[in-house]
Amino acid sequence: TENARNWDIGFVVGVPAWIQIMMERIIEY
């Protein structure tokens, strides 16, 4: 979450539940 703005992500890979939780944290932070 803290490093997210430093990356230029084009692809995300993972289990839907955990990817969704990660995205919610990034958006809130």
mmCIF file of all heavy atoms, coordinates in Angstrom:
data_MODEL
# 
_entry.id   MODEL 
# 
loop_
_atom_site.group_PDB 
_atom_site.id 
_atom_site.type_symbol 
_atom_site.label_atom_id 
_atom_site.label_alt_id 
_atom_site.label_comp_id 
_atom_site.label_asym_id 
_atom_site.label_entity_id 
_atom_site.label_seq_id 
_atom_site.pdbx_PDB_ins_code 
_atom_site.Cartn_x 
_atom_site.Cartn_y 
_atom_site.Cartn_z 
_atom_site.occupancy 
_atom_site.B_iso_or_equiv 
_atom_site.pdbx_formal_charge 
_atom_site.auth_seq_id 
_atom_site.auth_comp_id 
_atom_site.auth_asym_id 
_atom_site.auth_atom_id 
_atom_site.pdbx_PDB_model_num 
ATOM 1   N N   . THR A 1 1  ? 0.829   -1.209  0.000   1.00 0.00 ? 1  THR A N   1 
ATOM 2   C CA  . THR A 1 1  ? 0.000   0.000   0.000   1.00 0.00 ? 1  THR A CA  1 
ATOM 3   C C   . THR A 1 1  ? 0.865   1.261   0.000   1.00 0.00 ? 1  THR A C   1 
ATOM 4   O O   . THR A 1 1  ? 0.630   2.194   -0.779  1.00 0.00 ? 1  THR A O   1 
ATOM 5   C CB  . THR A 1 1  ? -0.927  -0.005  1.229   1.00 0.00 ? 1  THR A CB  1 
ATOM 6   O OG1 . THR A 1 1  ? -1.797  -1.143  1.147   1.00 0.00 ? 1  THR A OG1 1 
ATOM 7   C CG2 . THR A 1 1  ? -1.752  1.259   1.300   1.00 0.00 ? 1  THR A CG2 1 
ATOM 8   N N   . GLU A 1 2  ? 1.868   1.290   0.856   1.00 0.00 ? 2  GLU A N   1 
ATOM 9   C CA  . GLU A 1 2  ? 2.723   2.473   0.965   1.00 0.00 ? 2  GLU A CA  1 
ATOM 10  C C   . GLU A 1 2  ? 3.553   2.710   -0.295  1.00 0.00 ? 2  GLU A C   1 
ATOM 11  O O   . GLU A 1 2  ? 3.851   3.854   -0.654  1.00 0.00 ? 2  GLU A O   1 
ATOM 12  C CB  . GLU A 1 2  ? 3.645   2.331   2.183   1.00 0.00 ? 2  GLU A CB  1 
ATOM 13  C CG  . GLU A 1 2  ? 2.894   2.396   3.509   1.00 0.00 ? 2  GLU A CG  1 
ATOM 14  C CD  . GLU A 1 2  ? 3.744   1.915   4.679   1.00 0.00 ? 2  GLU A CD  1 
ATOM 15  O OE1 . GLU A 1 2  ? 4.959   1.660   4.458   1.00 0.00 ? 2  GLU A OE1 1 
ATOM 16  O OE2 . GLU A 1 2  ? 3.203   1.774   5.790   1.00 0.00 ? 2  GLU A OE2 1 
ATOM 17  N N   . ASN A 1 3  ? 3.928   1.638   -0.982  1.00 0.00 ? 3  ASN A N   1 
ATOM 18  C CA  . ASN A 1 3  ? 4.781   1.762   -2.169  1.00 0.00 ? 3  ASN A CA  1 
ATOM 19  C C   . ASN A 1 3  ? 4.007   1.843   -3.476  1.00 0.00 ? 3  ASN A C   1 
ATOM 20  O O   . ASN A 1 3  ? 4.606   2.022   -4.540  1.00 0.00 ? 3  ASN A O   1 
ATOM 21  C CB  . ASN A 1 3  ? 5.742   0.569   -2.241  1.00 0.00 ? 3  ASN A CB  1 
ATOM 22  C CG  . ASN A 1 3  ? 6.881   0.670   -1.243  1.00 0.00 ? 3  ASN A CG  1 
ATOM 23  O OD1 . ASN A 1 3  ? 7.879   1.331   -1.496  1.00 0.00 ? 3  ASN A OD1 1 
ATOM 24  N ND2 . ASN A 1 3  ? 6.713   0.013   -0.105  1.00 0.00 ? 3  ASN A ND2 1 
ATOM 25  N N   . ALA A 1 4  ? 2.692   1.715   -3.421  1.00 0.00 ? 4  ALA A N   1 
ATOM 26  C CA  . ALA A 1 4  ? 1.885   1.562   -4.632  1.00 0.00 ? 4  ALA A CA  1 
ATOM 27  C C   . ALA A 1 4  ? 2.111   2.669   -5.658  1.00 0.00 ? 4  ALA A C   1 
ATOM 28  O O   . ALA A 1 4  ? 2.190   2.419   -6.867  1.00 0.00 ? 4  ALA A O   1 
ATOM 29  C CB  . ALA A 1 4  ? 0.404   1.478   -4.264  1.00 0.00 ? 4  ALA A CB  1 
ATOM 30  N N   . ARG A 1 5  ? 2.227   3.920   -5.207  1.00 0.00 ? 5  ARG A N   1 
ATOM 31  C CA  . ARG A 1 5  ? 2.378   5.051   -6.144  1.00 0.00 ? 5  ARG A CA  1 
ATOM 32  C C   . ARG A 1 5  ? 3.725   5.031   -6.857  1.00 0.00 ? 5  ARG A C   1 
ATOM 33  O O   . ARG A 1 5  ? 3.893   5.711   -7.879  1.00 0.00 ? 5  ARG A O   1 
ATOM 34  C CB  . ARG A 1 5  ? 2.211   6.375   -5.402  1.00 0.00 ? 5  ARG A CB  1 
ATOM 35  C CG  . ARG A 1 5  ? 0.752   6.766   -5.180  1.00 0.00 ? 5  ARG A CG  1 
ATOM 36  C CD  . ARG A 1 5  ? 0.648   8.277   -4.972  1.00 0.00 ? 5  ARG A CD  1 
ATOM 37  N NE  . ARG A 1 5  ? -0.697  8.717   -4.707  1.00 0.00 ? 5  ARG A NE  1 
ATOM 38  C CZ  . ARG A 1 5  ? -1.609  8.990   -5.637  1.00 0.00 ? 5  ARG A CZ  1 
ATOM 39  N NH1 . ARG A 1 5  ? -1.298  8.822   -6.916  1.00 0.00 ? 5  ARG A NH1 1 
ATOM 40  N NH2 . ARG A 1 5  ? -2.808  9.416   -5.299  1.00 0.00 ? 5  ARG A NH2 1 
ATOM 41  N N   . ASN A 1 6  ? 4.675   4.282   -6.347  1.00 0.00 ? 6  ASN A N   1 
ATOM 42  C CA  . ASN A 1 6  ? 6.002   4.229   -6.973  1.00 0.00 ? 6  ASN A CA  1 
ATOM 43  C C   . ASN A 1 6  ? 6.062   3.239   -8.138  1.00 0.00 ? 6  ASN A C   1 
ATOM 44  O O   . ASN A 1 6  ? 7.079   3.153   -8.826  1.00 0.00 ? 6  ASN A O   1 
ATOM 45  C CB  . ASN A 1 6  ? 7.052   3.828   -5.930  1.00 0.00 ? 6  ASN A CB  1 
ATOM 46  C CG  . ASN A 1 6  ? 7.110   4.793   -4.766  1.00 0.00 ? 6  ASN A CG  1 
ATOM 47  O OD1 . ASN A 1 6  ? 6.911   5.996   -4.934  1.00 0.00 ? 6  ASN A OD1 1 
ATOM 48  N ND2 . ASN A 1 6  ? 7.369   4.269   -3.576  1.00 0.00 ? 6  ASN A ND2 1 
ATOM 49  N N   . TRP A 1 7  ? 5.003   2.486   -8.347  1.00 0.00 ? 7  TRP A N   1 
ATOM 50  C CA  . TRP A 1 7  ? 4.997   1.436   -9.356  1.00 0.00 ? 7  TRP A CA  1 
ATOM 51  C C   . TRP A 1 7  ? 4.052   1.784   -10.501 1.00 0.00 ? 7  TRP A C   1 
ATOM 52  O O   . TRP A 1 7  ? 3.028   2.449   -10.304 1.00 0.00 ? 7  TRP A O   1 
ATOM 53  C CB  . TRP A 1 7  ? 4.560   0.104   -8.741  1.00 0.00 ? 7  TRP A CB  1 
ATOM 54  C CG  . TRP A 1 7  ? 5.390   -0.327  -7.569  1.00 0.00 ? 7  TRP A CG  1 
ATOM 55  C CD1 . TRP A 1 7  ? 6.701   -0.034  -7.323  1.00 0.00 ? 7  TRP A CD1 1 
ATOM 56  C CD2 . TRP A 1 7  ? 4.957   -1.139  -6.464  1.00 0.00 ? 7  TRP A CD2 1 
ATOM 57  N NE1 . TRP A 1 7  ? 7.122   -0.610  -6.154  1.00 0.00 ? 7  TRP A NE1 1 
ATOM 58  C CE2 . TRP A 1 7  ? 6.072   -1.301  -5.600  1.00 0.00 ? 7  TRP A CE2 1 
ATOM 59  C CE3 . TRP A 1 7  ? 3.762   -1.751  -6.134  1.00 0.00 ? 7  TRP A CE3 1 
ATOM 60  C CZ2 . TRP A 1 7  ? 5.999   -2.041  -4.424  1.00 0.00 ? 7  TRP A CZ2 1 
ATOM 61  C CZ3 . TRP A 1 7  ? 3.680   -2.494  -4.974  1.00 0.00 ? 7  TRP A CZ3 1 
ATOM 62  C CH2 . TRP A 1 7  ? 4.792   -2.636  -4.123  1.00 0.00 ? 7  TRP A CH2 1 
ATOM 63  N N   . ASP A 1 8  ? 4.406   1.312   -11.689 1.00 0.00 ? 8  ASP A N   1 
ATOM 64  C CA  . ASP A 1 8  ? 3.560   1.504   -12.867 1.00 0.00 ? 8  ASP A CA  1 
ATOM 65  C C   . ASP A 1 8  ? 2.987   0.134   -13.243 1.00 0.00 ? 8  ASP A C   1 
ATOM 66  O O   . ASP A 1 8  ? 3.495   -0.555  -14.121 1.00 0.00 ? 8  ASP A O   1 
ATOM 67  C CB  . ASP A 1 8  ? 4.390   2.077   -14.021 1.00 0.00 ? 8  ASP A CB  1 
ATOM 68  C CG  . ASP A 1 8  ? 3.531   2.460   -15.221 1.00 0.00 ? 8  ASP A CG  1 
ATOM 69  O OD1 . ASP A 1 8  ? 2.286   2.401   -15.099 1.00 0.00 ? 8  ASP A OD1 1 
ATOM 70  O OD2 . ASP A 1 8  ? 4.105   2.808   -16.272 1.00 0.00 ? 8  ASP A OD2 1 
ATOM 71  N N   . ILE A 1 9  ? 1.911   -0.239  -12.556 1.00 0.00 ? 9  ILE A N   1 
ATOM 72  C CA  . ILE A 1 9  ? 1.362   -1.593  -12.682 1.00 0.00 ? 9  ILE A CA  1 
ATOM 73  C C   . ILE A 1 9  ? 0.435   -1.688  -13.898 1.00 0.00 ? 9  ILE A C   1 
ATOM 74  O O   . ILE A 1 9  ? -0.480  -0.883  -14.065 1.00 0.00 ? 9  ILE A O   1 
ATOM 75  C CB  . ILE A 1 9  ? 0.586   -1.982  -11.409 1.00 0.00 ? 9  ILE A CB  1 
ATOM 76  C CG1 . ILE A 1 9  ? 1.503   -1.901  -10.180 1.00 0.00 ? 9  ILE A CG1 1 
ATOM 77  C CG2 . ILE A 1 9  ? -0.025  -3.379  -11.554 1.00 0.00 ? 9  ILE A CG2 1 
ATOM 78  C CD1 . ILE A 1 9  ? 2.669   -2.860  -10.202 1.00 0.00 ? 9  ILE A CD1 1 
ATOM 79  N N   . GLY A 1 10 ? 0.672   -2.710  -14.716 1.00 0.00 ? 10 GLY A N   1 
ATOM 80  C CA  . GLY A 1 10 ? -0.194  -2.987  -15.859 1.00 0.00 ? 10 GLY A CA  1 
ATOM 81  C C   . GLY A 1 10 ? -0.980  -4.274  -15.697 1.00 0.00 ? 10 GLY A C   1 
ATOM 82  O O   . GLY A 1 10 ? -2.063  -4.430  -16.259 1.00 0.00 ? 10 GLY A O   1 
ATOM 83  N N   . PHE A 1 11 ? -0.392  -5.218  -14.916 1.00 0.00 ? 11 PHE A N   1 
ATOM 84  C CA  . PHE A 1 11 ? -1.012  -6.516  -14.682 1.00 0.00 ? 11 PHE A CA  1 
ATOM 85  C C   . PHE A 1 11 ? -1.088  -6.769  -13.177 1.00 0.00 ? 11 PHE A C   1 
ATOM 86  O O   . PHE A 1 11 ? -0.135  -6.464  -12.454 1.00 0.00 ? 11 PHE A O   1 
ATOM 87  C CB  . PHE A 1 11 ? -0.172  -7.652  -15.282 1.00 0.00 ? 11 PHE A CB  1 
ATOM 88  C CG  . PHE A 1 11 ? 0.000   -7.617  -16.774 1.00 0.00 ? 11 PHE A CG  1 
ATOM 89  C CD1 . PHE A 1 11 ? 0.837   -6.682  -17.373 1.00 0.00 ? 11 PHE A CD1 1 
ATOM 90  C CD2 . PHE A 1 11 ? -0.647  -8.525  -17.590 1.00 0.00 ? 11 PHE A CD2 1 
ATOM 91  C CE1 . PHE A 1 11 ? 1.033   -6.656  -18.742 1.00 0.00 ? 11 PHE A CE1 1 
ATOM 92  C CE2 . PHE A 1 11 ? -0.465  -8.510  -18.964 1.00 0.00 ? 11 PHE A CE2 1 
ATOM 93  C CZ  . PHE A 1 11 ? 0.374   -7.572  -19.545 1.00 0.00 ? 11 PHE A CZ  1 
ATOM 94  N N   . VAL A 1 12 ? -2.187  -7.352  -12.727 1.00 0.00 ? 12 VAL A N   1 
ATOM 95  C CA  . VAL A 1 12 ? -2.308  -7.805  -11.343 1.00 0.00 ? 12 VAL A CA  1 
ATOM 96  C C   . VAL A 1 12 ? -2.675  -9.277  -11.378 1.00 0.00 ? 12 VAL A C   1 
ATOM 97  O O   . VAL A 1 12 ? -3.557  -9.697  -12.146 1.00 0.00 ? 12 VAL A O   1 
ATOM 98  C CB  . VAL A 1 12 ? -3.372  -7.000  -10.570 1.00 0.00 ? 12 VAL A CB  1 
ATOM 99  C CG1 . VAL A 1 12 ? -3.591  -7.597  -9.192  1.00 0.00 ? 12 VAL A CG1 1 
ATOM 100 C CG2 . VAL A 1 12 ? -2.956  -5.553  -10.431 1.00 0.00 ? 12 VAL A CG2 1 
ATOM 101 N N   . VAL A 1 13 ? -1.997  -10.078 -10.535 1.00 0.00 ? 13 VAL A N   1 
ATOM 102 C CA  . VAL A 1 13 ? -2.203  -11.532 -10.521 1.00 0.00 ? 13 VAL A CA  1 
ATOM 103 C C   . VAL A 1 13 ? -2.478  -11.978 -9.088  1.00 0.00 ? 13 VAL A C   1 
ATOM 104 O O   . VAL A 1 13 ? -1.700  -11.652 -8.181  1.00 0.00 ? 13 VAL A O   1 
ATOM 105 C CB  . VAL A 1 13 ? -0.957  -12.275 -11.056 1.00 0.00 ? 13 VAL A CB  1 
ATOM 106 C CG1 . VAL A 1 13 ? -1.198  -13.781 -11.069 1.00 0.00 ? 13 VAL A CG1 1 
ATOM 107 C CG2 . VAL A 1 13 ? -0.569  -11.767 -12.440 1.00 0.00 ? 13 VAL A CG2 1 
ATOM 108 N N   . GLY A 1 14 ? -3.562  -12.723 -8.879  1.00 0.00 ? 14 GLY A N   1 
ATOM 109 C CA  . GLY A 1 14 ? -3.827  -13.230 -7.544  1.00 0.00 ? 14 GLY A CA  1 
ATOM 110 C C   . GLY A 1 14 ? -5.238  -13.732 -7.359  1.00 0.00 ? 14 GLY A C   1 
ATOM 111 O O   . GLY A 1 14 ? -6.073  -13.695 -8.270  1.00 0.00 ? 14 GLY A O   1 
ATOM 112 N N   . VAL A 1 15 ? -5.536  -14.210 -6.141  1.00 0.00 ? 15 VAL A N   1 
ATOM 113 C CA  . VAL A 1 15 ? -6.876  -14.674 -5.763  1.00 0.00 ? 15 VAL A CA  1 
ATOM 114 C C   . VAL A 1 15 ? -7.771  -13.450 -5.572  1.00 0.00 ? 15 VAL A C   1 
ATOM 115 O O   . VAL A 1 15 ? -7.366  -12.479 -4.913  1.00 0.00 ? 15 VAL A O   1 
ATOM 116 C CB  . VAL A 1 15 ? -6.803  -15.514 -4.472  1.00 0.00 ? 15 VAL A CB  1 
ATOM 117 C CG1 . VAL A 1 15 ? -8.192  -15.863 -3.959  1.00 0.00 ? 15 VAL A CG1 1 
ATOM 118 C CG2 . VAL A 1 15 ? -5.987  -16.782 -4.720  1.00 0.00 ? 15 VAL A CG2 1 
ATOM 119 N N   . PRO A 1 16 ? -8.995  -13.441 -6.145  1.00 0.00 ? 16 PRO A N   1 
ATOM 120 C CA  . PRO A 1 16 ? -9.846  -12.238 -6.123  1.00 0.00 ? 16 PRO A CA  1 
ATOM 121 C C   . PRO A 1 16 ? -10.030 -11.592 -4.755  1.00 0.00 ? 16 PRO A C   1 
ATOM 122 O O   . PRO A 1 16 ? -9.933  -10.368 -4.630  1.00 0.00 ? 16 PRO A O   1 
ATOM 123 C CB  . PRO A 1 16 ? -11.181 -12.760 -6.675  1.00 0.00 ? 16 PRO A CB  1 
ATOM 124 C CG  . PRO A 1 16 ? -10.801 -13.873 -7.581  1.00 0.00 ? 16 PRO A CG  1 
ATOM 125 C CD  . PRO A 1 16 ? -9.610  -14.532 -6.926  1.00 0.00 ? 16 PRO A CD  1 
ATOM 126 N N   . ALA A 1 17 ? -10.292 -12.375 -3.723  1.00 0.00 ? 17 ALA A N   1 
ATOM 127 C CA  . ALA A 1 17 ? -10.565 -11.787 -2.404  1.00 0.00 ? 17 ALA A CA  1 
ATOM 128 C C   . ALA A 1 17 ? -9.398  -10.955 -1.907  1.00 0.00 ? 17 ALA A C   1 
ATOM 129 O O   . ALA A 1 17 ? -9.571  -9.834  -1.408  1.00 0.00 ? 17 ALA A O   1 
ATOM 130 C CB  . ALA A 1 17 ? -10.881 -12.894 -1.394  1.00 0.00 ? 17 ALA A CB  1 
ATOM 131 N N   . TRP A 1 18 ? -8.160  -11.481 -2.061  1.00 0.00 ? 18 TRP A N   1 
ATOM 132 C CA  . TRP A 1 18 ? -6.990  -10.781 -1.527  1.00 0.00 ? 18 TRP A CA  1 
ATOM 133 C C   . TRP A 1 18 ? -6.615  -9.578  -2.394  1.00 0.00 ? 18 TRP A C   1 
ATOM 134 O O   . TRP A 1 18 ? -6.161  -8.557  -1.886  1.00 0.00 ? 18 TRP A O   1 
ATOM 135 C CB  . TRP A 1 18 ? -5.820  -11.745 -1.394  1.00 0.00 ? 18 TRP A CB  1 
ATOM 136 C CG  . TRP A 1 18 ? -6.164  -12.960 -0.589  1.00 0.00 ? 18 TRP A CG  1 
ATOM 137 C CD1 . TRP A 1 18 ? -6.105  -14.261 -0.986  1.00 0.00 ? 18 TRP A CD1 1 
ATOM 138 C CD2 . TRP A 1 18 ? -6.652  -12.990 0.764   1.00 0.00 ? 18 TRP A CD2 1 
ATOM 139 N NE1 . TRP A 1 18 ? -6.516  -15.098 0.021   1.00 0.00 ? 18 TRP A NE1 1 
ATOM 140 C CE2 . TRP A 1 18 ? -6.848  -14.347 1.113   1.00 0.00 ? 18 TRP A CE2 1 
ATOM 141 C CE3 . TRP A 1 18 ? -6.936  -12.001 1.711   1.00 0.00 ? 18 TRP A CE3 1 
ATOM 142 C CZ2 . TRP A 1 18 ? -7.325  -14.735 2.360   1.00 0.00 ? 18 TRP A CZ2 1 
ATOM 143 C CZ3 . TRP A 1 18 ? -7.405  -12.390 2.964   1.00 0.00 ? 18 TRP A CZ3 1 
ATOM 144 C CH2 . TRP A 1 18 ? -7.589  -13.747 3.274   1.00 0.00 ? 18 TRP A CH2 1 
ATOM 145 N N   . ILE A 1 19 ? -6.829  -9.686  -3.703  1.00 0.00 ? 19 ILE A N   1 
ATOM 146 C CA  . ILE A 1 19 ? -6.585  -8.541  -4.584  1.00 0.00 ? 19 ILE A CA  1 
ATOM 147 C C   . ILE A 1 19 ? -7.551  -7.418  -4.255  1.00 0.00 ? 19 ILE A C   1 
ATOM 148 O O   . ILE A 1 19 ? -7.176  -6.235  -4.206  1.00 0.00 ? 19 ILE A O   1 
ATOM 149 C CB  . ILE A 1 19 ? -6.721  -8.951  -6.070  1.00 0.00 ? 19 ILE A CB  1 
ATOM 150 C CG1 . ILE A 1 19 ? -5.619  -9.938  -6.460  1.00 0.00 ? 19 ILE A CG1 1 
ATOM 151 C CG2 . ILE A 1 19 ? -6.696  -7.721  -6.973  1.00 0.00 ? 19 ILE A CG2 1 
ATOM 152 C CD1 . ILE A 1 19 ? -4.219  -9.362  -6.489  1.00 0.00 ? 19 ILE A CD1 1 
ATOM 153 N N   . GLN A 1 20 ? -8.801  -7.764  -3.985  1.00 0.00 ? 20 GLN A N   1 
ATOM 154 C CA  . GLN A 1 20 ? -9.801  -6.747  -3.650  1.00 0.00 ? 20 GLN A CA  1 
ATOM 155 C C   . GLN A 1 20 ? -9.448  -6.053  -2.334  1.00 0.00 ? 20 GLN A C   1 
ATOM 156 O O   . GLN A 1 20 ? -9.533  -4.816  -2.231  1.00 0.00 ? 20 GLN A O   1 
ATOM 157 C CB  . GLN A 1 20 ? -11.181 -7.386  -3.560  1.00 0.00 ? 20 GLN A CB  1 
ATOM 158 C CG  . GLN A 1 20 ? -12.295 -6.363  -3.339  1.00 0.00 ? 20 GLN A CG  1 
ATOM 159 C CD  . GLN A 1 20 ? -13.677 -6.952  -3.558  1.00 0.00 ? 20 GLN A CD  1 
ATOM 160 O OE1 . GLN A 1 20 ? -13.814 -8.030  -4.126  1.00 0.00 ? 20 GLN A OE1 1 
ATOM 161 N NE2 . GLN A 1 20 ? -14.703 -6.246  -3.116  1.00 0.00 ? 20 GLN A NE2 1 
ATOM 162 N N   . ILE A 1 21 ? -9.048  -6.824  -1.343  1.00 0.00 ? 21 ILE A N   1 
ATOM 163 C CA  . ILE A 1 21 ? -8.654  -6.231  -0.057  1.00 0.00 ? 21 ILE A CA  1 
ATOM 164 C C   . ILE A 1 21 ? -7.459  -5.298  -0.251  1.00 0.00 ? 21 ILE A C   1 
ATOM 165 O O   . ILE A 1 21 ? -7.404  -4.202  0.312   1.00 0.00 ? 21 ILE A O   1 
ATOM 166 C CB  . ILE A 1 21 ? -8.327  -7.348  0.957   1.00 0.00 ? 21 ILE A CB  1 
ATOM 167 C CG1 . ILE A 1 21 ? -9.610  -8.055  1.379   1.00 0.00 ? 21 ILE A CG1 1 
ATOM 168 C CG2 . ILE A 1 21 ? -7.593  -6.790  2.172   1.00 0.00 ? 21 ILE A CG2 1 
ATOM 169 C CD1 . ILE A 1 21 ? -9.389  -9.308  2.199   1.00 0.00 ? 21 ILE A CD1 1 
ATOM 170 N N   . MET A 1 22 ? -6.478  -5.717  -1.049  1.00 0.00 ? 22 MET A N   1 
ATOM 171 C CA  . MET A 1 22 ? -5.302  -4.890  -1.319  1.00 0.00 ? 22 MET A CA  1 
ATOM 172 C C   . MET A 1 22 ? -5.703  -3.571  -1.975  1.00 0.00 ? 22 MET A C   1 
ATOM 173 O O   . MET A 1 22 ? -5.253  -2.488  -1.571  1.00 0.00 ? 22 MET A O   1 
ATOM 174 C CB  . MET A 1 22 ? -4.334  -5.647  -2.227  1.00 0.00 ? 22 MET A CB  1 
ATOM 175 C CG  . MET A 1 22 ? -3.110  -4.832  -2.644  1.00 0.00 ? 22 MET A CG  1 
ATOM 176 S SD  . MET A 1 22 ? -2.265  -5.540  -4.089  1.00 0.00 ? 22 MET A SD  1 
ATOM 177 C CE  . MET A 1 22 ? -3.445  -5.148  -5.387  1.00 0.00 ? 22 MET A CE  1 
ATOM 178 N N   . MET A 1 23 ? -6.565  -3.640  -2.994  1.00 0.00 ? 23 MET A N   1 
ATOM 179 C CA  . MET A 1 23 ? -6.979  -2.428  -3.699  1.00 0.00 ? 23 MET A CA  1 
ATOM 180 C C   . MET A 1 23 ? -7.725  -1.474  -2.766  1.00 0.00 ? 23 MET A C   1 
ATOM 181 O O   . MET A 1 23 ? -7.526  -0.257  -2.823  1.00 0.00 ? 23 MET A O   1 
ATOM 182 C CB  . MET A 1 23 ? -7.858  -2.794  -4.893  1.00 0.00 ? 23 MET A CB  1 
ATOM 183 C CG  . MET A 1 23 ? -7.108  -3.397  -6.062  1.00 0.00 ? 23 MET A CG  1 
ATOM 184 S SD  . MET A 1 23 ? -8.233  -3.691  -7.451  1.00 0.00 ? 23 MET A SD  1 
ATOM 185 C CE  . MET A 1 23 ? -7.057  -4.182  -8.721  1.00 0.00 ? 23 MET A CE  1 
ATOM 186 N N   . GLU A 1 24 ? -8.568  -2.014  -1.912  1.00 0.00 ? 24 GLU A N   1 
ATOM 187 C CA  . GLU A 1 24 ? -9.312  -1.167  -0.978  1.00 0.00 ? 24 GLU A CA  1 
ATOM 188 C C   . GLU A 1 24 ? -8.359  -0.426  -0.042  1.00 0.00 ? 24 GLU A C   1 
ATOM 189 O O   . GLU A 1 24 ? -8.557  0.764   0.246   1.00 0.00 ? 24 GLU A O   1 
ATOM 190 C CB  . GLU A 1 24 ? -10.297 -2.021  -0.179  1.00 0.00 ? 24 GLU A CB  1 
ATOM 191 C CG  . GLU A 1 24 ? -11.486 -2.491  -1.003  1.00 0.00 ? 24 GLU A CG  1 
ATOM 192 C CD  . GLU A 1 24 ? -12.355 -3.504  -0.278  1.00 0.00 ? 24 GLU A CD  1 
ATOM 193 O OE1 . GLU A 1 24 ? -11.888 -4.081  0.734   1.00 0.00 ? 24 GLU A OE1 1 
ATOM 194 O OE2 . GLU A 1 24 ? -13.489 -3.722  -0.719  1.00 0.00 ? 24 GLU A OE2 1 
ATOM 195 N N   . ARG A 1 25 ? -7.333  -1.108  0.415   1.00 0.00 ? 25 ARG A N   1 
ATOM 196 C CA  . ARG A 1 25 ? -6.341  -0.461  1.290   1.00 0.00 ? 25 ARG A CA  1 
ATOM 197 C C   . ARG A 1 25 ? -5.601  0.660   0.559   1.00 0.00 ? 25 ARG A C   1 
ATOM 198 O O   . ARG A 1 25 ? -5.363  1.728   1.120   1.00 0.00 ? 25 ARG A O   1 
ATOM 199 C CB  . ARG A 1 25 ? -5.336  -1.490  1.804   1.00 0.00 ? 25 ARG A CB  1 
ATOM 200 C CG  . ARG A 1 25 ? -5.876  -2.406  2.863   1.00 0.00 ? 25 ARG A CG  1 
ATOM 201 C CD  . ARG A 1 25 ? -4.729  -2.980  3.683   1.00 0.00 ? 25 ARG A CD  1 
ATOM 202 N NE  . ARG A 1 25 ? -5.195  -3.974  4.640   1.00 0.00 ? 25 ARG A NE  1 
ATOM 203 C CZ  . ARG A 1 25 ? -4.441  -4.499  5.582   1.00 0.00 ? 25 ARG A CZ  1 
ATOM 204 N NH1 . ARG A 1 25 ? -3.166  -4.151  5.689   1.00 0.00 ? 25 ARG A NH1 1 
ATOM 205 N NH2 . ARG A 1 25 ? -4.924  -5.394  6.428   1.00 0.00 ? 25 ARG A NH2 1 
ATOM 206 N N   . ILE A 1 26 ? -5.214  0.379   -0.671  1.00 0.00 ? 26 ILE A N   1 
ATOM 207 C CA  . ILE A 1 26 ? -4.476  1.380   -1.452  1.00 0.00 ? 26 ILE A CA  1 
ATOM 208 C C   . ILE A 1 26 ? -5.334  2.616   -1.678  1.00 0.00 ? 26 ILE A C   1 
ATOM 209 O O   . ILE A 1 26 ? -4.877  3.759   -1.514  1.00 0.00 ? 26 ILE A O   1 
ATOM 210 C CB  . ILE A 1 26 ? -4.009  0.769   -2.795  1.00 0.00 ? 26 ILE A CB  1 
ATOM 211 C CG1 . ILE A 1 26 ? -2.934  -0.291  -2.542  1.00 0.00 ? 26 ILE A CG1 1 
ATOM 212 C CG2 . ILE A 1 26 ? -3.474  1.860   -3.727  1.00 0.00 ? 26 ILE A CG2 1 
ATOM 213 C CD1 . ILE A 1 26 ? -2.580  -1.099  -3.772  1.00 0.00 ? 26 ILE A CD1 1 
ATOM 214 N N   . ILE A 1 27 ? -6.591  2.410   -2.042  1.00 0.00 ? 27 ILE A N   1 
ATOM 215 C CA  . ILE A 1 27 ? -7.512  3.532   -2.304  1.00 0.00 ? 27 ILE A CA  1 
ATOM 216 C C   . ILE A 1 27 ? -7.718  4.361   -1.049  1.00 0.00 ? 27 ILE A C   1 
ATOM 217 O O   . ILE A 1 27 ? -7.684  5.599   -1.078  1.00 0.00 ? 27 ILE A O   1 
ATOM 218 C CB  . ILE A 1 27 ? -8.854  2.987   -2.839  1.00 0.00 ? 27 ILE A CB  1 
ATOM 219 C CG1 . ILE A 1 27 ? -8.667  2.437   -4.260  1.00 0.00 ? 27 ILE A CG1 1 
ATOM 220 C CG2 . ILE A 1 27 ? -9.935  4.069   -2.830  1.00 0.00 ? 27 ILE A CG2 1 
ATOM 221 C CD1 . ILE A 1 27 ? -9.844  1.637   -4.777  1.00 0.00 ? 27 ILE A CD1 1 
ATOM 222 N N   . GLU A 1 28 ? -7.899  3.688   0.090   1.00 0.00 ? 28 GLU A N   1 
ATOM 223 C CA  . GLU A 1 28 ? -8.114  4.415   1.347   1.00 0.00 ? 28 GLU A CA  1 
ATOM 224 C C   . GLU A 1 28 ? -6.857  5.162   1.782   1.00 0.00 ? 28 GLU A C   1 
ATOM 225 O O   . GLU A 1 28 ? -6.917  6.329   2.173   1.00 0.00 ? 28 GLU A O   1 
ATOM 226 C CB  . GLU A 1 28 ? -8.539  3.423   2.435   1.00 0.00 ? 28 GLU A CB  1 
ATOM 227 C CG  . GLU A 1 28 ? -8.823  4.087   3.777   1.00 0.00 ? 28 GLU A CG  1 
ATOM 228 C CD  . GLU A 1 28 ? -9.226  3.096   4.847   1.00 0.00 ? 28 GLU A CD  1 
ATOM 229 O OE1 . GLU A 1 28 ? -9.219  1.876   4.576   1.00 0.00 ? 28 GLU A OE1 1 
ATOM 230 O OE2 . GLU A 1 28 ? -9.541  3.536   5.976   1.00 0.00 ? 28 GLU A OE2 1 
ATOM 231 N N   . TYR A 1 29 ? -5.701  4.504   1.686   1.00 0.00 ? 29 TYR A N   1 
ATOM 232 C CA  . TYR A 1 29 ? -4.441  5.105   2.145   1.00 0.00 ? 29 TYR A CA  1 
ATOM 233 C C   . TYR A 1 29 ? -4.069  6.339   1.327   1.00 0.00 ? 29 TYR A C   1 
ATOM 234 O O   . TYR A 1 29 ? -3.634  7.360   1.874   1.00 0.00 ? 29 TYR A O   1 
ATOM 235 C CB  . TYR A 1 29 ? -3.335  4.065   2.056   1.00 0.00 ? 29 TYR A CB  1 
ATOM 236 C CG  . TYR A 1 29 ? -1.965  4.564   2.496   1.00 0.00 ? 29 TYR A CG  1 
ATOM 237 C CD1 . TYR A 1 29 ? -1.607  4.552   3.845   1.00 0.00 ? 29 TYR A CD1 1 
ATOM 238 C CD2 . TYR A 1 29 ? -1.043  5.034   1.570   1.00 0.00 ? 29 TYR A CD2 1 
ATOM 239 C CE1 . TYR A 1 29 ? -0.362  4.997   4.255   1.00 0.00 ? 29 TYR A CE1 1 
ATOM 240 C CE2 . TYR A 1 29 ? 0.201   5.485   1.970   1.00 0.00 ? 29 TYR A CE2 1 
ATOM 241 C CZ  . TYR A 1 29 ? 0.541   5.466   3.304   1.00 0.00 ? 29 TYR A CZ  1 
ATOM 242 O OH  . TYR A 1 29 ? 1.784   5.925   3.703   1.00 0.00 ? 29 TYR A OH  1 
# 
